[in-house]
Amino acid sequence: MEYPAKLNRTQRDEVIAALQQQGHSIHEICRLLKVSRNTVRRVIRSRESTADPETVVHPISDHLEALYQLAKGNGVRVMELAQELHGIEISYSTLTRLIRQSELRTPQPKRSGRYHFQPGAEMQHDTSPHTIEINGKKVSAQCAAAILPVSRYAFIQYYPCFTRFEIQVFLTEAVQYFGGSTPRCTVDNTSVVVASGSGPEAVIAPQMRAFGEHFGITFIPHAVMHSDRKAHVERIFHWVENNFLPGRSFESWSDLNQQARAWCDQVANQKIKKELGMNPKTAFEEERKSLLPLPPYIPQVTHVVHRVVDSYGYAHLETNRYSLPERLIQKSVELHKLAEEVVIYFDNAEAAHHTRMVGQRNGRSTLKGHHNSKHHSSKRGPTTEEQLLRGVDEILDQYLDDLKRHLKGRGVQGMRKLLQIKRSYPIAPFLTAIQQAHHYKLYDLNRLEKMVLERVRGDFFQLDEP
């Protein structure tokens, strides 16, 4: 009789044990089951060791956990301490096997539970770094997301960086998008929200605590290494990277966030969820009734800094410069940074109102009418040397027009050289040379001076004829 070849490991071990108890030899068992002798011996030894507790218990077993803690998990040190303290000798392989069996180093994972939420009781928030392309340039951006775990209703936006200013801007837009707030907001242990500590016992930063109180929100960080506490908001980032970003182009940060909002409306909150049996938009209509109402007045999130206007008439903010009237140079002004604007005040009066340069570095915003002094306007007019040359002769004026187009900038050096030539030589040879240079379109002033010298050499120098 032969046993079927397709036995799983447990069935095979049971058959080997049964045949061994019936008195079959190892050779017969190998022939019947078509397995090696080493396999049969291993199964028989394991069955014997399990049946005989004396072969499993080791003298170090009663002291293993205490020694492991004392040695801080170092196996070699456990061996040494066992010999020194208890006179127990043990091989390293046996020790590591006992440590594994005792689950001292890597405890067995426990079954995951489920979190149950009441409608309108919680909002989950988190950020994730994404690499995106804006106006043909790849940049690193922070994707901020907020989600209601009961209805899965979600909202996302992008920012160049994520500080306490950005999180307040985002959460203000999020609660307005939801049409209400929740008494609890689960976040991670980021320093943007947390001032010290971690987990539910963390100390929330005073700015964030005051911000939350305005909307009735309490920020609760999850325990360290328990990011699954906000699994709903963690899950949406994978969807954003693989559905929202591919195949889309963005002209600016404003365009990016407008498309992100439209994606939430048309895709994220419209797709039917198996767990809900409906789309988040439909489920949200019920959860909306349980949200906290928004306060009657929602102020714009503002970050105020003080700056001194530099000698060029600009105030600096985030490596960018914003213009101010020249009368405020070297004056102290107050900059109010808003989500999309920068408002500058001087003596409690608005001095300038700029569009904020988001995601830019070393940019410059100059408003019309701020820098129109005589010093700046004079650069657009003719130089003093040009004014002294004009009006002498019509051909000279025409030559000056052509010469300016061939000189760099305003042509100060060229005009100065030409005025020097005019002052150094008689006017008649000078104008004759100018007429010839204009005819042949010659604008090399050194060559022009030689042409003037050729015409005046007989008047100024007594040269012998060859």
Protein backbone atom coordinates (compact mmCIF):
# COMPACT_ATOMS: atom_id res chain seq x y z
CA MET A 1 0.00 0.00 0.00
CA GLU A 2 1.24 3.55 -0.84
CA TYR A 3 0.03 6.80 0.69
CA PRO A 4 -0.93 9.73 -1.52
CA ALA A 5 2.02 12.00 -2.34
CA LYS A 6 0.12 15.28 -1.92
CA LEU A 7 0.03 15.69 1.87
CA ASN A 8 0.52 18.98 3.60
CA ARG A 9 3.15 19.23 6.29
CA THR A 10 0.81 18.70 9.22
CA GLN A 11 -0.82 15.66 7.63
CA ARG A 12 2.57 14.21 6.74
CA ASP A 13 3.86 14.58 10.32
CA GLU A 14 0.74 12.92 11.73
CA VAL A 15 1.07 9.98 9.35
CA ILE A 16 4.76 9.55 10.22
CA ALA A 17 3.93 9.57 13.96
CA ALA A 18 1.10 7.05 13.45
CA LEU A 19 3.29 4.69 11.42
CA GLN A 20 6.10 4.93 13.98
CA GLN A 21 3.68 4.03 16.79
CA GLN A 22 2.50 1.02 14.76
CA GLY A 23 6.06 -0.28 14.76
CA HIS A 24 7.09 0.54 11.22
CA SER A 25 10.77 1.16 10.68
CA ILE A 26 12.17 4.43 9.38
CA HIS A 27 13.03 2.72 6.08
CA GLU A 28 9.44 1.53 5.60
CA ILE A 29 8.03 4.96 6.45
CA CYS A 30 10.36 6.59 3.91
CA ARG A 31 9.26 4.13 1.20
CA LEU A 32 5.56 4.57 1.92
CA LEU A 33 5.55 8.39 2.10
CA LYS A 34 8.43 9.00 -0.30
CA VAL A 35 10.28 11.28 2.10
CA SER A 36 13.88 11.35 3.26
CA ARG A 37 15.14 9.60 6.39
CA ASN A 38 16.22 12.93 7.89
CA THR A 39 12.66 14.20 7.62
CA VAL A 40 11.29 11.11 9.38
CA ARG A 41 13.91 11.34 12.14
CA ARG A 42 13.19 15.06 12.66
CA VAL A 43 9.45 14.46 13.02
CA ILE A 44 10.01 11.57 15.46
CA ARG A 45 12.42 13.66 17.58
CA SER A 46 10.05 16.61 17.68
CA ARG A 47 7.17 14.34 18.76
CA GLU A 48 9.30 12.79 21.49
CA SER A 49 10.50 16.19 22.77
CA THR A 50 6.91 17.49 22.87
CA ALA A 51 5.71 14.41 24.71
CA ASP A 52 8.53 14.64 27.27
CA PRO A 53 8.50 18.02 29.07
CA GLU A 54 11.83 17.32 30.72
CA THR A 55 13.61 17.67 27.38
CA VAL A 56 12.09 21.14 26.75
CA VAL A 57 12.61 22.88 30.08
CA HIS A 58 16.08 24.38 30.45
CA PRO A 59 17.54 25.54 33.77
CA ILE A 60 17.83 29.09 32.42
CA SER A 61 14.12 29.31 31.64
CA ASP A 62 13.19 30.63 35.11
CA HIS A 63 15.81 33.39 34.88
CA LEU A 64 15.72 34.15 31.14
CA GLU A 65 13.42 37.20 31.16
CA ALA A 66 15.23 38.88 34.07
CA LEU A 67 18.64 38.21 32.50
CA TYR A 68 17.44 39.49 29.14
CA GLN A 69 16.28 42.76 30.67
CA LEU A 70 19.49 43.09 32.69
CA ALA A 71 21.63 42.54 29.58
CA LYS A 72 19.46 44.98 27.56
CA GLY A 73 18.80 42.37 24.90
CA ASN A 74 22.44 41.40 24.30
CA GLY A 75 22.53 37.59 23.87
CA VAL A 76 26.25 37.23 24.57
CA ARG A 77 25.88 39.18 27.79
CA VAL A 78 22.93 36.94 28.80
CA MET A 79 25.25 33.92 28.49
CA GLU A 80 27.88 35.62 30.67
CA LEU A 81 25.38 36.69 33.34
CA ALA A 82 23.83 33.20 33.44
CA GLN A 83 27.28 31.76 34.24
CA GLU A 84 28.22 34.49 36.75
CA LEU A 85 24.93 34.73 38.65
CA HIS A 86 23.43 31.24 38.40
CA GLY A 87 26.26 28.98 37.28
CA ILE A 88 24.31 27.95 34.18
CA GLU A 89 26.18 27.18 30.98
CA ILE A 90 24.24 27.40 27.73
CA SER A 91 25.20 27.49 24.06
CA TYR A 92 24.42 30.58 22.04
CA SER A 93 22.18 28.71 19.56
CA THR A 94 20.11 27.25 22.40
CA LEU A 95 19.86 30.64 24.06
CA THR A 96 18.63 32.38 20.90
CA ARG A 97 16.07 29.59 20.37
CA LEU A 98 14.72 30.06 23.89
CA ILE A 99 14.59 33.83 23.39
CA ARG A 100 12.57 33.35 20.20
CA GLN A 101 10.21 30.89 21.91
CA SER A 102 9.72 33.33 24.78
CA GLU A 103 9.02 36.18 22.32
CA LEU A 104 11.31 38.51 24.27
CA ARG A 105 12.88 40.15 21.24
CA THR A 106 9.98 40.27 18.76
CA PRO A 107 6.63 39.70 20.42
CA GLN A 108 3.96 38.14 18.28
CA PRO A 109 1.74 40.71 16.53
CA LYS A 110 -1.67 41.14 18.00
CA ARG A 111 -4.90 41.23 16.09
CA SER A 112 -5.83 44.69 14.91
CA GLY A 113 -9.03 46.17 16.21
CA ARG A 114 -11.49 48.61 14.68
CA TYR A 115 -12.23 52.16 15.67
CA HIS A 116 -15.85 53.17 15.85
CA PHE A 117 -16.81 56.82 15.43
CA GLN A 118 -19.99 58.70 16.03
CA PRO A 119 -21.14 61.03 13.22
CA GLY A 120 -19.54 64.45 13.52
CA ALA A 121 -17.35 63.42 16.46
CA GLU A 122 -13.92 63.47 14.80
CA MET A 123 -11.88 64.87 11.94
CA GLN A 124 -8.52 63.35 10.92
CA HIS A 125 -5.70 65.51 9.54
CA ASP A 126 -2.24 64.74 8.16
CA THR A 127 0.29 65.84 5.50
CA SER A 128 2.40 63.99 2.95
CA PRO A 129 5.31 65.24 0.77
CA HIS A 130 4.73 65.00 -2.99
CA THR A 131 6.90 65.96 -5.95
CA ILE A 132 4.84 67.86 -8.52
CA GLU A 133 5.46 69.98 -11.60
CA ILE A 134 4.32 73.61 -11.58
CA ASN A 135 4.79 75.72 -14.70
CA GLY A 136 7.28 73.18 -16.08
CA LYS A 137 9.41 73.05 -12.91
CA LYS A 138 9.50 70.16 -10.44
CA VAL A 139 8.99 71.26 -6.84
CA SER A 140 8.48 69.56 -3.49
CA ALA A 141 5.05 70.23 -2.02
CA GLN A 142 3.18 69.28 1.12
CA CYS A 143 -0.23 67.76 0.53
CA ALA A 144 -2.55 68.53 3.46
CA ALA A 145 -5.67 66.41 3.88
CA ALA A 146 -8.64 66.36 6.23
CA ILE A 147 -11.33 63.68 6.31
CA LEU A 148 -14.44 62.80 8.29
CA PRO A 149 -14.02 59.08 9.11
CA VAL A 150 -17.74 58.28 9.24
CA SER A 151 -18.73 59.58 5.81
CA ARG A 152 -15.16 59.53 4.29
CA TYR A 153 -15.79 63.11 3.11
CA ALA A 154 -12.34 64.51 2.24
CA PHE A 155 -10.60 67.80 1.41
CA ILE A 156 -7.00 68.36 0.19
CA GLN A 157 -4.76 71.34 -0.60
CA TYR A 158 -1.05 71.88 -1.42
CA TYR A 159 1.55 74.20 0.13
CA PRO A 160 5.29 74.84 -0.49
CA CYS A 161 5.92 74.27 3.22
CA PHE A 162 3.76 73.46 6.23
CA THR A 163 4.10 75.61 9.34
CA ARG A 164 1.58 76.75 11.92
CA PHE A 165 0.51 79.46 9.49
CA GLU A 166 -0.26 76.93 6.73
CA ILE A 167 -2.09 74.49 9.02
CA GLN A 168 -4.36 77.26 10.26
CA VAL A 169 -5.04 78.37 6.68
CA PHE A 170 -5.79 74.79 5.65
CA LEU A 171 -8.04 73.89 8.58
CA THR A 172 -9.97 77.15 8.16
CA GLU A 173 -10.66 76.21 4.53
CA ALA A 174 -11.42 72.60 5.55
CA VAL A 175 -14.13 73.45 8.11
CA GLN A 176 -15.65 75.91 5.65
CA TYR A 177 -15.62 73.17 2.99
CA PHE A 178 -17.33 70.80 5.45
CA GLY A 179 -19.73 73.47 6.60
CA GLY A 180 -18.91 72.76 10.25
CA SER A 181 -16.26 71.50 12.63
CA THR A 182 -15.81 68.53 14.97
CA PRO A 183 -15.02 68.52 18.69
CA ARG A 184 -11.93 66.35 18.09
CA CYS A 185 -9.19 66.45 15.46
CA THR A 186 -6.73 63.54 15.40
CA VAL A 187 -3.25 64.52 14.20
CA ASP A 188 0.24 63.06 14.32
CA ASN A 189 2.96 64.18 16.75
CA THR A 190 4.27 66.99 14.57
CA SER A 191 5.86 70.06 16.15
CA VAL A 192 3.51 72.17 14.05
CA VAL A 193 0.74 71.25 16.51
CA VAL A 194 2.56 69.82 19.54
CA ALA A 195 4.71 71.97 21.82
CA SER A 196 6.06 69.08 23.93
CA GLY A 197 5.36 65.45 24.71
CA SER A 198 3.59 62.97 22.46
CA GLY A 199 0.38 61.01 22.17
CA PRO A 200 -2.86 61.94 23.93
CA GLU A 201 -0.83 63.47 26.82
CA ALA A 202 1.04 65.88 24.49
CA VAL A 203 1.00 69.61 25.22
CA ILE A 204 -0.59 71.48 22.32
CA ALA A 205 1.10 74.71 21.19
CA PRO A 206 -0.70 77.81 22.55
CA GLN A 207 -1.31 79.21 19.03
CA MET A 208 -2.96 75.98 17.90
CA ARG A 209 -4.96 75.62 21.11
CA ALA A 210 -6.35 79.15 20.69
CA PHE A 211 -7.09 78.46 17.03
CA GLY A 212 -8.96 75.26 17.91
CA GLU A 213 -11.01 76.95 20.61
CA HIS A 214 -12.38 79.40 18.03
CA PHE A 215 -13.93 76.49 16.12
CA GLY A 216 -14.56 74.23 19.13
CA ILE A 217 -11.81 71.78 18.08
CA THR A 218 -9.50 69.89 20.45
CA PHE A 219 -6.32 68.54 18.86
CA ILE A 220 -5.42 65.00 20.00
CA PRO A 221 -2.17 63.43 18.67
CA HIS A 222 -2.23 59.65 18.29
CA ALA A 223 0.15 57.47 20.30
CA VAL A 224 3.65 57.03 18.92
CA MET A 225 3.87 54.19 16.36
CA HIS A 226 0.07 54.04 16.11
CA SER A 227 -0.52 55.97 12.91
CA ASP A 228 -3.37 53.55 12.11
CA ARG A 229 -5.42 55.64 14.56
CA LYS A 230 -5.95 58.01 11.61
CA ALA A 231 -5.91 55.36 8.88
CA HIS A 232 -8.63 57.07 6.84
CA VAL A 233 -6.56 60.17 6.15
CA GLU A 234 -3.40 58.08 5.64
CA ARG A 235 -5.14 56.03 2.95
CA ILE A 236 -6.19 58.99 0.83
CA PHE A 237 -2.61 60.08 0.04
CA HIS A 238 -1.99 56.96 -2.05
CA TRP A 239 -5.13 57.77 -4.03
CA VAL A 240 -4.02 61.36 -4.55
CA GLU A 241 -0.59 60.31 -5.87
CA ASN A 242 -2.04 57.72 -8.25
CA ASN A 243 -5.23 59.44 -9.38
CA PHE A 244 -5.09 63.19 -8.92
CA LEU A 245 -1.47 63.98 -9.88
CA PRO A 246 -0.90 61.76 -12.98
CA GLY A 247 -1.72 63.42 -16.29
CA ARG A 248 -2.42 66.87 -14.84
CA SER A 249 -0.47 70.08 -15.42
CA PHE A 250 -0.44 73.09 -13.11
CA GLU A 251 0.40 76.68 -13.98
CA SER A 252 0.68 78.00 -10.43
CA TRP A 253 0.02 77.10 -6.80
CA SER A 254 -3.39 78.73 -7.07
CA ASP A 255 -4.22 76.62 -10.13
CA LEU A 256 -2.99 73.49 -8.32
CA ASN A 257 -5.28 74.07 -5.33
CA GLN A 258 -8.26 74.92 -7.52
CA GLN A 259 -7.84 71.62 -9.36
CA ALA A 260 -7.39 69.79 -6.02
CA ARG A 261 -10.69 71.20 -4.75
CA ALA A 262 -12.42 70.22 -8.00
CA TRP A 263 -10.98 66.69 -7.69
CA CYS A 264 -12.46 66.40 -4.19
CA ASP A 265 -15.87 67.51 -5.50
CA GLN A 266 -15.95 65.39 -8.65
CA VAL A 267 -13.88 62.28 -7.81
CA ALA A 268 -12.91 61.70 -4.17
CA ASN A 269 -16.31 62.48 -2.70
CA GLN A 270 -18.32 60.93 -5.54
CA LYS A 271 -16.81 57.43 -5.74
CA ILE A 272 -18.97 54.77 -4.08
CA LYS A 273 -17.33 53.12 -1.04
CA LYS A 274 -18.00 49.43 -0.39
CA GLU A 275 -17.96 49.96 3.37
CA LEU A 276 -20.60 52.69 3.10
CA GLY A 277 -22.68 51.30 0.26
CA MET A 278 -22.83 54.84 -1.13
CA ASN A 279 -20.53 57.71 -2.04
CA PRO A 280 -19.08 60.05 0.64
CA LYS A 281 -21.15 62.97 -0.64
CA THR A 282 -24.40 61.16 0.13
CA ALA A 283 -23.15 59.90 3.50
CA PHE A 284 -21.95 63.40 4.36
CA GLU A 285 -25.43 64.87 3.98
CA GLU A 286 -26.40 62.87 7.09
CA GLU A 287 -23.18 63.53 9.01
CA ARG A 288 -23.42 67.25 8.31
CA LYS A 289 -26.30 67.46 10.80
CA SER A 290 -23.98 66.36 13.63
CA LEU A 291 -21.17 68.86 12.94
CA LEU A 292 -20.54 71.83 15.21
CA PRO A 293 -21.81 75.08 13.64
CA LEU A 294 -19.20 77.52 12.40
CA PRO A 295 -18.66 80.73 14.41
CA PRO A 296 -20.49 83.81 13.06
CA TYR A 297 -17.19 85.46 12.14
CA ILE A 298 -14.14 83.65 10.71
CA PRO A 299 -11.11 85.97 10.57
CA GLN A 300 -8.42 85.57 7.93
CA VAL A 301 -5.37 83.73 9.19
CA THR A 302 -2.69 86.44 9.53
CA HIS A 303 0.99 86.36 10.40
CA VAL A 304 2.35 89.78 11.41
CA VAL A 305 6.04 90.73 11.12
CA HIS A 306 7.86 94.05 11.38
CA ARG A 307 10.42 95.19 8.83
CA VAL A 308 12.48 98.28 7.99
CA VAL A 309 12.13 99.43 4.37
CA ASP A 310 15.52 99.10 2.65
CA SER A 311 17.27 101.79 0.61
CA TYR A 312 15.73 100.41 -2.60
CA GLY A 313 12.20 100.92 -1.30
CA TYR A 314 11.31 97.29 -0.53
CA ALA A 315 10.25 95.31 2.55
CA HIS A 316 11.48 91.70 2.81
CA LEU A 317 9.27 88.68 3.56
CA GLU A 318 10.15 84.99 3.00
CA THR A 319 13.16 85.87 0.77
CA ASN A 320 10.87 88.01 -1.45
CA ARG A 321 10.62 91.80 -1.63
CA TYR A 322 7.53 93.99 -1.76
CA SER A 323 7.67 97.63 -2.87
CA LEU A 324 6.61 100.68 -0.85
CA PRO A 325 6.51 104.42 -1.60
CA GLU A 326 9.96 105.99 -1.46
CA ARG A 327 8.91 108.29 1.38
CA LEU A 328 8.94 105.18 3.63
CA ILE A 329 12.60 104.29 3.02
CA GLN A 330 14.31 103.48 6.33
CA LYS A 331 10.89 103.51 8.05
CA SER A 332 9.54 100.66 10.18
CA VAL A 333 6.45 99.03 8.68
CA GLU A 334 4.12 96.18 9.67
CA LEU A 335 3.60 93.31 7.20
CA HIS A 336 0.43 91.22 7.41
CA LYS A 337 0.94 87.90 5.61
CA LEU A 338 -2.36 86.38 4.47
CA ALA A 339 -3.00 83.21 2.47
CA GLU A 340 -2.78 84.95 -0.91
CA GLU A 341 -1.97 88.58 -0.07
CA VAL A 342 0.54 90.77 1.74
CA VAL A 343 -0.83 93.97 3.28
CA ILE A 344 1.70 96.52 4.59
CA TYR A 345 0.80 99.16 7.18
CA PHE A 346 2.60 102.30 8.30
CA ASP A 347 1.32 104.29 11.29
CA ASN A 348 -1.84 102.10 11.37
CA ALA A 349 -2.66 103.06 7.77
CA GLU A 350 -2.43 100.77 4.75
CA ALA A 351 0.63 101.66 2.71
CA ALA A 352 0.65 98.84 0.12
CA HIS A 353 -1.39 95.81 -0.92
CA HIS A 354 0.48 93.05 -2.84
CA THR A 355 -0.36 89.63 -4.21
CA ARG A 356 1.68 87.18 -2.13
CA MET A 357 4.46 85.37 -4.02
CA VAL A 358 3.80 81.76 -2.98
CA GLY A 359 6.52 79.20 -3.60
CA GLN A 360 8.94 81.78 -5.03
CA ARG A 361 12.43 82.78 -3.89
CA ASN A 362 14.17 86.12 -4.39
CA GLY A 363 11.11 87.51 -6.15
CA ARG A 364 10.23 91.20 -6.40
CA SER A 365 6.76 92.77 -6.49
CA THR A 366 6.73 96.45 -7.52
CA LEU A 367 3.47 98.35 -7.58
CA LYS A 368 2.89 101.13 -10.08
CA GLY A 369 3.60 104.57 -8.68
CA HIS A 370 5.95 103.47 -5.91
CA HIS A 371 9.33 104.18 -7.56
CA ASN A 372 8.97 107.20 -9.87
CA SER A 373 11.63 109.57 -8.52
CA LYS A 374 13.77 111.85 -10.71
CA HIS A 375 16.74 109.59 -10.11
CA HIS A 376 14.98 106.71 -11.82
CA SER A 377 13.29 108.68 -14.60
CA SER A 378 16.56 110.35 -15.66
CA LYS A 379 17.90 106.99 -16.77
CA ARG A 380 15.41 106.95 -19.62
CA GLY A 381 16.43 110.35 -21.07
CA PRO A 382 19.54 111.35 -23.08
CA THR A 383 22.85 111.67 -21.32
CA THR A 384 24.50 115.06 -20.69
CA GLU A 385 27.15 114.31 -23.34
CA GLU A 386 24.45 113.54 -25.94
CA GLN A 387 22.64 116.77 -25.16
CA LEU A 388 25.89 118.74 -25.76
CA LEU A 389 26.42 117.01 -29.12
CA ARG A 390 22.90 117.51 -30.50
CA GLY A 391 21.84 120.59 -32.44
CA VAL A 392 25.28 121.26 -33.93
CA ASP A 393 24.61 119.66 -37.32
CA GLU A 394 21.84 117.60 -38.89
CA ILE A 395 24.26 114.88 -40.06
CA LEU A 396 25.70 114.65 -36.52
CA ASP A 397 22.20 114.19 -35.07
CA GLN A 398 21.50 111.37 -37.53
CA TYR A 399 24.85 109.77 -36.69
CA LEU A 400 24.03 109.96 -32.97
CA ASP A 401 20.73 108.11 -33.51
CA ASP A 402 22.51 105.29 -35.34
CA LEU A 403 25.40 105.24 -32.86
CA LYS A 404 23.03 104.80 -29.85
CA ARG A 405 21.61 101.65 -31.39
CA HIS A 406 25.12 100.15 -31.56
CA LEU A 407 26.22 101.13 -28.06
CA LYS A 408 25.37 99.18 -24.90
CA GLY A 409 22.87 100.65 -22.47
CA ARG A 410 22.59 104.40 -22.68
CA GLY A 411 25.96 104.66 -24.42
CA VAL A 412 27.52 106.95 -21.82
CA GLN A 413 31.11 105.96 -22.62
CA GLY A 414 30.60 106.28 -26.37
CA MET A 415 28.97 109.71 -26.13
CA ARG A 416 31.74 110.86 -23.82
CA LYS A 417 34.40 109.71 -26.32
CA LEU A 418 32.63 111.42 -29.23
CA LEU A 419 32.29 114.69 -27.26
CA GLN A 420 36.02 114.55 -26.45
CA ILE A 421 36.85 114.20 -30.17
CA LYS A 422 34.60 117.17 -31.03
CA ARG A 423 36.28 119.34 -28.39
CA SER A 424 39.84 118.30 -29.36
CA TYR A 425 39.75 119.12 -33.09
CA PRO A 426 38.37 121.84 -35.38
CA ILE A 427 34.69 121.55 -36.14
CA ALA A 428 35.01 121.41 -39.94
CA PRO A 429 37.26 118.30 -40.14
CA PHE A 430 35.18 116.74 -37.37
CA LEU A 431 31.88 117.18 -39.26
CA THR A 432 33.48 115.98 -42.52
CA ALA A 433 34.65 112.80 -40.80
CA ILE A 434 31.19 112.38 -39.24
CA GLN A 435 29.54 112.70 -42.67
CA GLN A 436 31.85 110.06 -44.14
CA ALA A 437 31.38 107.72 -41.12
CA HIS A 438 27.60 108.10 -41.40
CA HIS A 439 27.71 107.29 -45.11
CA TYR A 440 29.73 104.11 -44.58
CA LYS A 441 28.00 103.24 -41.27
CA LEU A 442 31.23 103.34 -39.31
CA TYR A 443 30.73 103.36 -35.55
CA ASP A 444 34.27 102.61 -34.33
CA LEU A 445 35.12 105.86 -32.54
CA ASN A 446 38.86 105.14 -32.54
CA ARG A 447 38.75 104.82 -36.34
CA LEU A 448 36.65 108.00 -36.49
CA GLU A 449 39.33 109.91 -34.56
CA LYS A 450 42.01 108.75 -37.07
CA MET A 451 39.83 110.03 -39.91
CA VAL A 452 39.68 113.45 -38.19
CA LEU A 453 43.46 113.42 -37.70
CA GLU A 454 44.04 112.73 -41.40
CA ARG A 455 42.10 115.89 -42.25
CA VAL A 456 43.85 118.20 -39.77
CA ARG A 457 47.45 116.96 -40.04
CA GLY A 458 48.39 119.68 -42.52
CA ASP A 459 47.03 122.39 -40.24
CA PHE A 460 48.57 121.12 -36.99
CA PHE A 461 51.73 119.30 -38.12
CA GLN A 462 54.48 120.20 -40.64
CA LEU A 463 55.03 116.86 -42.38
CA ASP A 464 57.66 116.46 -45.10
CA GLU A 465 56.44 115.08 -48.36
CA PRO A 466 57.99 111.71 -49.27
